[in-house]
Amino acid sequence: MTSFSHFTHCLSTMAIDENRFVRIFRKEKRNAEKAARGAKRDVKRTMHNVENAFRPPWYQRAWDRIKRPFAR
């Protein structure tokens, strides 16, 4: 008599494993996209900070006056 105990996957568990596999990679993709957005935002913020460092003080005061009515 042959023992089938070494076969751990039947068809239904294989489908579940495939779905889990797809779900895991979907989550990884979302995390990677989120990290890319964060990195892009950081680069933009750094670029903006560098631009502001070279601007004269009156520019920042004028810009603050423009932004003030829209502040939350």
PDB file of N, CA and C in Angstrom:
ATOM      1  N   MET A   1       0.840  -1.168   0.000  1.00  0.00           N
ATOM      2  CA  MET A   1       0.000   0.000   0.000  1.00  0.00           C
ATOM      3  C   MET A   1       0.893   1.240   0.000  1.00  0.00           C
ATOM      4  N   THR A   2       0.543   2.203  -0.832  1.00  0.00           N
ATOM      5  CA  THR A   2       1.333   3.422  -0.963  1.00  0.00           C
ATOM      6  C   THR A   2       0.794   4.502  -0.037  1.00  0.00           C
ATOM      7  N   SER A   3       1.707   5.167   0.636  1.00  0.00           N
ATOM      8  CA  SER A   3       1.303   6.257   1.524  1.00  0.00           C
ATOM      9  C   SER A   3       1.375   7.580   0.763  1.00  0.00           C
ATOM     10  N   PHE A   4       0.318   8.374   0.863  1.00  0.00           N
ATOM     11  CA  PHE A   4       0.280   9.665   0.185  1.00  0.00           C
ATOM     12  C   PHE A   4       0.501  10.825   1.163  1.00  0.00           C
ATOM     13  N   SER A   5       1.066  10.536   2.313  1.00  0.00           N
ATOM     14  CA  SER A   5       1.245  11.579   3.319  1.00  0.00           C
ATOM     15  C   SER A   5       2.250  12.645   2.874  1.00  0.00           C
ATOM     16  N   HIS A   6       3.130  12.293   1.937  1.00  0.00           N
ATOM     17  CA  HIS A   6       4.106  13.276   1.483  1.00  0.00           C
ATOM     18  C   HIS A   6       3.486  14.293   0.528  1.00  0.00           C
ATOM     19  N   PHE A   7       2.258  14.038   0.051  1.00  0.00           N
ATOM     20  CA  PHE A   7       1.552  15.017  -0.776  1.00  0.00           C
ATOM     21  C   PHE A   7       0.793  15.961   0.148  1.00  0.00           C
ATOM     22  N   THR A   8       1.334  17.112   0.361  1.00  0.00           N
ATOM     23  CA  THR A   8       0.700  18.043   1.306  1.00  0.00           C
ATOM     24  C   THR A   8      -0.310  18.945   0.617  1.00  0.00           C
ATOM     25  N   HIS A   9      -0.233  19.065  -0.698  1.00  0.00           N
ATOM     26  CA  HIS A   9      -1.134  19.974  -1.398  1.00  0.00           C
ATOM     27  C   HIS A   9      -2.154  19.195  -2.213  1.00  0.00           C
ATOM     28  N   CYS A  10      -3.401  19.423  -1.915  1.00  0.00           N
ATOM     29  CA  CYS A  10      -4.443  18.944  -2.809  1.00  0.00           C
ATOM     30  C   CYS A  10      -4.821  20.133  -3.685  1.00  0.00           C
ATOM     31  N   LEU A  11      -5.734  19.970  -4.607  1.00  0.00           N
ATOM     32  CA  LEU A  11      -6.060  21.046  -5.539  1.00  0.00           C
ATOM     33  C   LEU A  11      -6.597  22.286  -4.831  1.00  0.00           C
ATOM     34  N   SER A  12      -7.425  22.097  -3.812  1.00  0.00           N
ATOM     35  CA  SER A  12      -8.011  23.262  -3.146  1.00  0.00           C
ATOM     36  C   SER A  12      -6.956  24.058  -2.382  1.00  0.00           C
ATOM     37  N   THR A  13      -6.035  23.381  -1.714  1.00  0.00           N
ATOM     38  CA  THR A  13      -5.003  24.121  -0.976  1.00  0.00           C
ATOM     39  C   THR A  13      -4.021  24.771  -1.933  1.00  0.00           C
ATOM     40  N   MET A  14      -3.815  24.187  -3.107  1.00  0.00           N
ATOM     41  CA  MET A  14      -2.937  24.821  -4.088  1.00  0.00           C
ATOM     42  C   MET A  14      -3.538  26.144  -4.542  1.00  0.00           C
ATOM     43  N   ALA A  15      -4.861  26.175  -4.747  1.00  0.00           N
ATOM     44  CA  ALA A  15      -5.521  27.416  -5.157  1.00  0.00           C
ATOM     45  C   ALA A  15      -5.400  28.465  -4.056  1.00  0.00           C
ATOM     46  N   ILE A  16      -5.568  28.050  -2.820  1.00  0.00           N
ATOM     47  CA  ILE A  16      -5.449  28.975  -1.695  1.00  0.00           C
ATOM     48  C   ILE A  16      -4.030  29.519  -1.617  1.00  0.00           C
ATOM     49  N   ASP A  17      -3.043  28.641  -1.804  1.00  0.00           N
ATOM     50  CA  ASP A  17      -1.646  29.075  -1.772  1.00  0.00           C
ATOM     51  C   ASP A  17      -1.351  30.077  -2.887  1.00  0.00           C
ATOM     52  N   GLU A  18      -1.910  29.830  -4.076  1.00  0.00           N
ATOM     53  CA  GLU A  18      -1.699  30.755  -5.191  1.00  0.00           C
ATOM     54  C   GLU A  18      -2.314  32.111  -4.882  1.00  0.00           C
ATOM     55  N   ASN A  19      -3.511  32.111  -4.307  1.00  0.00           N
ATOM     56  CA  ASN A  19      -4.160  33.372  -3.943  1.00  0.00           C
ATOM     57  C   ASN A  19      -3.341  34.112  -2.896  1.00  0.00           C
ATOM     58  N   ARG A  20      -2.822  33.367  -1.927  1.00  0.00           N
ATOM     59  CA  ARG A  20      -1.993  33.976  -0.891  1.00  0.00           C
ATOM     60  C   ARG A  20      -0.720  34.564  -1.504  1.00  0.00           C
ATOM     61  N   PHE A  21      -0.151  33.832  -2.418  1.00  0.00           N
ATOM     62  CA  PHE A  21       1.047  34.266  -3.127  1.00  0.00           C
ATOM     63  C   PHE A  21       0.778  35.578  -3.869  1.00  0.00           C
ATOM     64  N   VAL A  22      -0.344  35.623  -4.575  1.00  0.00           N
ATOM     65  CA  VAL A  22      -0.721  36.832  -5.315  1.00  0.00           C
ATOM     66  C   VAL A  22      -0.954  37.986  -4.350  1.00  0.00           C
ATOM     67  N   ARG A  23      -1.630  37.703  -3.245  1.00  0.00           N
ATOM     68  CA  ARG A  23      -1.921  38.734  -2.245  1.00  0.00           C
ATOM     69  C   ARG A  23      -0.631  39.300  -1.644  1.00  0.00           C
ATOM     70  N   ILE A  24       0.310  38.421  -1.354  1.00  0.00           N
ATOM     71  CA  ILE A  24       1.590  38.855  -0.777  1.00  0.00           C
ATOM     72  C   ILE A  24       2.312  39.779  -1.746  1.00  0.00           C
ATOM     73  N   PHE A  25       2.362  39.403  -3.032  1.00  0.00           N
ATOM     74  CA  PHE A  25       3.064  40.238  -3.991  1.00  0.00           C
ATOM     75  C   PHE A  25       2.322  41.533  -4.272  1.00  0.00           C
ATOM     76  N   ARG A  26       0.994  41.504  -4.188  1.00  0.00           N
ATOM     77  CA  ARG A  26       0.222  42.732  -4.343  1.00  0.00           C
ATOM     78  C   ARG A  26       0.574  43.699  -3.213  1.00  0.00           C
ATOM     79  N   LYS A  27       0.680  43.149  -2.003  1.00  0.00           N
ATOM     80  CA  LYS A  27       1.048  43.976  -0.847  1.00  0.00           C
ATOM     81  C   LYS A  27       2.462  44.526  -1.014  1.00  0.00           C
ATOM     82  N   GLU A  28       3.384  43.685  -1.483  1.00  0.00           N
ATOM     83  CA  GLU A  28       4.758  44.140  -1.708  1.00  0.00           C
ATOM     84  C   GLU A  28       4.798  45.267  -2.735  1.00  0.00           C
ATOM     85  N   LYS A  29       3.993  45.122  -3.789  1.00  0.00           N
ATOM     86  CA  LYS A  29       3.949  46.150  -4.831  1.00  0.00           C
ATOM     87  C   LYS A  29       3.428  47.463  -4.257  1.00  0.00           C
ATOM     88  N   ARG A  30       2.362  47.384  -3.450  1.00  0.00           N
ATOM     89  CA  ARG A  30       1.814  48.591  -2.813  1.00  0.00           C
ATOM     90  C   ARG A  30       2.852  49.250  -1.919  1.00  0.00           C
ATOM     91  N   ASN A  31       3.564  48.446  -1.148  1.00  0.00           N
ATOM     92  CA  ASN A  31       4.594  48.986  -0.258  1.00  0.00           C
ATOM     93  C   ASN A  31       5.716  49.652  -1.053  1.00  0.00           C
ATOM     94  N   ALA A  32       6.098  49.039  -2.164  1.00  0.00           N
ATOM     95  CA  ALA A  32       7.158  49.616  -2.998  1.00  0.00           C
ATOM     96  C   ALA A  32       6.698  50.932  -3.613  1.00  0.00           C
ATOM     97  N   GLU A  33       5.437  50.976  -4.072  1.00  0.00           N
ATOM     98  CA  GLU A  33       4.909  52.214  -4.643  1.00  0.00           C
ATOM     99  C   GLU A  33       4.837  53.309  -3.585  1.00  0.00           C
ATOM    100  N   LYS A  34       4.441  52.918  -2.377  1.00  0.00           N
ATOM    101  CA  LYS A  34       4.366  53.880  -1.272  1.00  0.00           C
ATOM    102  C   LYS A  34       5.760  54.432  -0.951  1.00  0.00           C
ATOM    103  N   ALA A  35       6.752  53.558  -0.925  1.00  0.00           N
ATOM    104  CA  ALA A  35       8.129  53.981  -0.648  1.00  0.00           C
ATOM    105  C   ALA A  35       8.637  54.907  -1.752  1.00  0.00           C
ATOM    106  N   ALA A  36       8.288  54.596  -3.004  1.00  0.00           N
ATOM    107  CA  ALA A  36       8.715  55.439  -4.123  1.00  0.00           C
ATOM    108  C   ALA A  36       8.076  56.822  -4.025  1.00  0.00           C
ATOM    109  N   ARG A  37       6.790  56.872  -3.664  1.00  0.00           N
ATOM    110  CA  ARG A  37       6.123  58.169  -3.490  1.00  0.00           C
ATOM    111  C   ARG A  37       6.779  58.972  -2.368  1.00  0.00           C
ATOM    112  N   GLY A  38       7.111  58.290  -1.282  1.00  0.00           N
ATOM    113  CA  GLY A  38       7.771  58.961  -0.163  1.00  0.00           C
ATOM    114  C   GLY A  38       9.128  59.513  -0.561  1.00  0.00           C
ATOM    115  N   ALA A  39       9.888  58.728  -1.318  1.00  0.00           N
ATOM    116  CA  ALA A  39      11.212  59.179  -1.761  1.00  0.00           C
ATOM    117  C   ALA A  39      11.087  60.375  -2.698  1.00  0.00           C
ATOM    118  N   LYS A  40      10.102  60.313  -3.590  1.00  0.00           N
ATOM    119  CA  LYS A  40       9.877  61.422  -4.520  1.00  0.00           C
ATOM    120  C   LYS A  40       9.508  62.690  -3.752  1.00  0.00           C
ATOM    121  N   ARG A  41       8.659  62.543  -2.752  1.00  0.00           N
ATOM    122  CA  ARG A  41       8.244  63.680  -1.921  1.00  0.00           C
ATOM    123  C   ARG A  41       9.451  64.261  -1.169  1.00  0.00           C
ATOM    124  N   ASP A  42      10.320  63.381  -0.662  1.00  0.00           N
ATOM    125  CA  ASP A  42      11.518  63.840   0.049  1.00  0.00           C
ATOM    126  C   ASP A  42      12.451  64.621  -0.871  1.00  0.00           C
ATOM    127  N   VAL A  43      12.602  64.145  -2.103  1.00  0.00           N
ATOM    128  CA  VAL A  43      13.462  64.843  -3.063  1.00  0.00           C
ATOM    129  C   VAL A  43      12.886  66.221  -3.362  1.00  0.00           C
ATOM    130  N   LYS A  44      11.560  66.280  -3.555  1.00  0.00           N
ATOM    131  CA  LYS A  44      10.928  67.579  -3.830  1.00  0.00           C
ATOM    132  C   LYS A  44      11.090  68.529  -2.647  1.00  0.00           C
ATOM    133  N   ARG A  45      10.903  68.001  -1.434  1.00  0.00           N
ATOM    134  CA  ARG A  45      11.039  68.842  -0.240  1.00  0.00           C
ATOM    135  C   ARG A  45      12.467  69.372  -0.115  1.00  0.00           C
ATOM    136  N   THR A  46      13.452  68.511  -0.357  1.00  0.00           N
ATOM    137  CA  THR A  46      14.855  68.924  -0.276  1.00  0.00           C
ATOM    138  C   THR A  46      15.161  69.991  -1.321  1.00  0.00           C
ATOM    139  N   MET A  47      14.661  69.771  -2.537  1.00  0.00           N
ATOM    140  CA  MET A  47      14.876  70.740  -3.605  1.00  0.00           C
ATOM    141  C   MET A  47      14.256  72.090  -3.223  1.00  0.00           C
ATOM    142  N   HIS A  48      13.069  72.055  -2.660  1.00  0.00           N
ATOM    143  CA  HIS A  48      12.386  73.277  -2.242  1.00  0.00           C
ATOM    144  C   HIS A  48      13.176  73.982  -1.130  1.00  0.00           C
ATOM    145  N   ASN A  49      13.689  73.210  -0.186  1.00  0.00           N
ATOM    146  CA  ASN A  49      14.486  73.788   0.905  1.00  0.00           C
ATOM    147  C   ASN A  49      15.759  74.446   0.379  1.00  0.00           C
ATOM    148  N   VAL A  50      16.387  73.807  -0.604  1.00  0.00           N
ATOM    149  CA  VAL A  50      17.605  74.378  -1.191  1.00  0.00           C
ATOM    150  C   VAL A  50      17.264  75.669  -1.926  1.00  0.00           C
ATOM    151  N   GLU A  51      16.164  75.662  -2.683  1.00  0.00           N
ATOM    152  CA  GLU A  51      15.742  76.882  -3.383  1.00  0.00           C
ATOM    153  C   GLU A  51      15.487  78.009  -2.385  1.00  0.00           C
ATOM    154  N   ASN A  52      14.796  77.688  -1.297  1.00  0.00           N
ATOM    155  CA  ASN A  52      14.480  78.708  -0.293  1.00  0.00           C
ATOM    156  C   ASN A  52      15.730  79.243   0.399  1.00  0.00           C
ATOM    157  N   ALA A  53      16.752  78.415   0.527  1.00  0.00           N
ATOM    158  CA  ALA A  53      17.979  78.848   1.195  1.00  0.00           C
ATOM    159  C   ALA A  53      18.669  79.967   0.420  1.00  0.00           C
ATOM    160  N   PHE A  54      18.489  79.998  -0.899  1.00  0.00           N
ATOM    161  CA  PHE A  54      19.152  81.005  -1.728  1.00  0.00           C
ATOM    162  C   PHE A  54      18.270  82.210  -2.023  1.00  0.00           C
ATOM    163  N   ARG A  55      17.026  82.187  -1.566  1.00  0.00           N
ATOM    164  CA  ARG A  55      16.127  83.314  -1.813  1.00  0.00           C
ATOM    165  C   ARG A  55      16.316  84.387  -0.748  1.00  0.00           C
ATOM    166  N   PRO A  56      16.077  85.638  -1.111  1.00  0.00           N
ATOM    167  CA  PRO A  56      16.210  86.716  -0.124  1.00  0.00           C
ATOM    168  C   PRO A  56      15.086  86.667   0.908  1.00  0.00           C
ATOM    169  N   PRO A  57      15.294  87.232   2.090  1.00  0.00           N
ATOM    170  CA  PRO A  57      14.282  87.173   3.155  1.00  0.00           C
ATOM    171  C   PRO A  57      12.953  87.813   2.772  1.00  0.00           C
ATOM    172  N   TRP A  58      12.998  88.891   1.954  1.00  0.00           N
ATOM    173  CA  TRP A  58      11.742  89.544   1.582  1.00  0.00           C
ATOM    174  C   TRP A  58      10.855  88.607   0.774  1.00  0.00           C
ATOM    175  N   TYR A  59      11.478  87.693  -0.002  1.00  0.00           N
ATOM    176  CA  TYR A  59      10.688  86.759  -0.808  1.00  0.00           C
ATOM    177  C   TYR A  59       9.858  85.866   0.111  1.00  0.00           C
ATOM    178  N   GLN A  60      10.488  85.345   1.159  1.00  0.00           N
ATOM    179  CA  GLN A  60       9.775  84.459   2.088  1.00  0.00           C
ATOM    180  C   GLN A  60       8.649  85.214   2.793  1.00  0.00           C
ATOM    181  N   ARG A  61       8.900  86.467   3.189  1.00  0.00           N
ATOM    182  CA  ARG A  61       7.849  87.258   3.846  1.00  0.00           C
ATOM    183  C   ARG A  61       6.678  87.492   2.905  1.00  0.00           C
ATOM    184  N   ALA A  62       6.974  87.812   1.649  1.00  0.00           N
ATOM    185  CA  ALA A  62       5.908  88.037   0.665  1.00  0.00           C
ATOM    186  C   ALA A  62       5.123  86.750   0.436  1.00  0.00           C
ATOM    187  N   TRP A  63       5.822  85.637   0.330  1.00  0.00           N
ATOM    188  CA  TRP A  63       5.157  84.355   0.100  1.00  0.00           C
ATOM    189  C   TRP A  63       4.299  83.967   1.302  1.00  0.00           C
ATOM    190  N   ASP A  64       4.784  84.240   2.514  1.00  0.00           N
ATOM    191  CA  ASP A  64       3.992  83.953   3.716  1.00  0.00           C
ATOM    192  C   ASP A  64       2.712  84.777   3.727  1.00  0.00           C
ATOM    193  N   ARG A  65       2.793  86.024   3.289  1.00  0.00           N
ATOM    194  CA  ARG A  65       1.613  86.885   3.238  1.00  0.00           C
ATOM    195  C   ARG A  65       0.590  86.329   2.239  1.00  0.00           C
ATOM    196  N   ILE A  66       1.057  85.767   1.144  1.00  0.00           N
ATOM    197  CA  ILE A  66       0.156  85.174   0.146  1.00  0.00           C
ATOM    198  C   ILE A  66      -0.492  83.911   0.715  1.00  0.00           C
ATOM    199  N   LYS A  67       0.290  83.095   1.408  1.00  0.00           N
ATOM    200  CA  LYS A  67      -0.210  81.807   1.921  1.00  0.00           C
ATOM    201  C   LYS A  67      -1.132  81.952   3.126  1.00  0.00           C
ATOM    202  N   ARG A  68      -0.951  83.007   3.915  1.00  0.00           N
ATOM    203  CA  ARG A  68      -1.663  83.144   5.193  1.00  0.00           C
ATOM    204  C   ARG A  68      -3.187  82.964   5.082  1.00  0.00           C
ATOM    205  N   PRO A  69      -3.886  83.577   4.107  1.00  0.00           N
ATOM    206  CA  PRO A  69      -5.350  83.394   4.048  1.00  0.00           C
ATOM    207  C   PRO A  69      -5.773  81.942   3.802  1.00  0.00           C
ATOM    208  N   PHE A  70      -4.885  81.144   3.221  1.00  0.00           N
ATOM    209  CA  PHE A  70      -5.233  79.761   2.885  1.00  0.00           C
ATOM    210  C   PHE A  70      -4.785  78.766   3.945  1.00  0.00           C
ATOM    211  N   ALA A  71      -4.134  79.251   4.993  1.00  0.00           N
ATOM    212  CA  ALA A  71      -3.646  78.358   6.053  1.00  0.00           C
ATOM    213  C   ALA A  71      -4.827  77.771   6.813  1.00  0.00           C
ATOM    214  N   ARG A  72      -4.668  76.566   7.263  1.00  0.00           N
ATOM    215  CA  ARG A  72      -5.755  75.901   7.994  1.00  0.00           C
ATOM    216  C   ARG A  72      -5.738  76.293   9.435  1.00  0.00           C
TER     217      ARG A  72
END
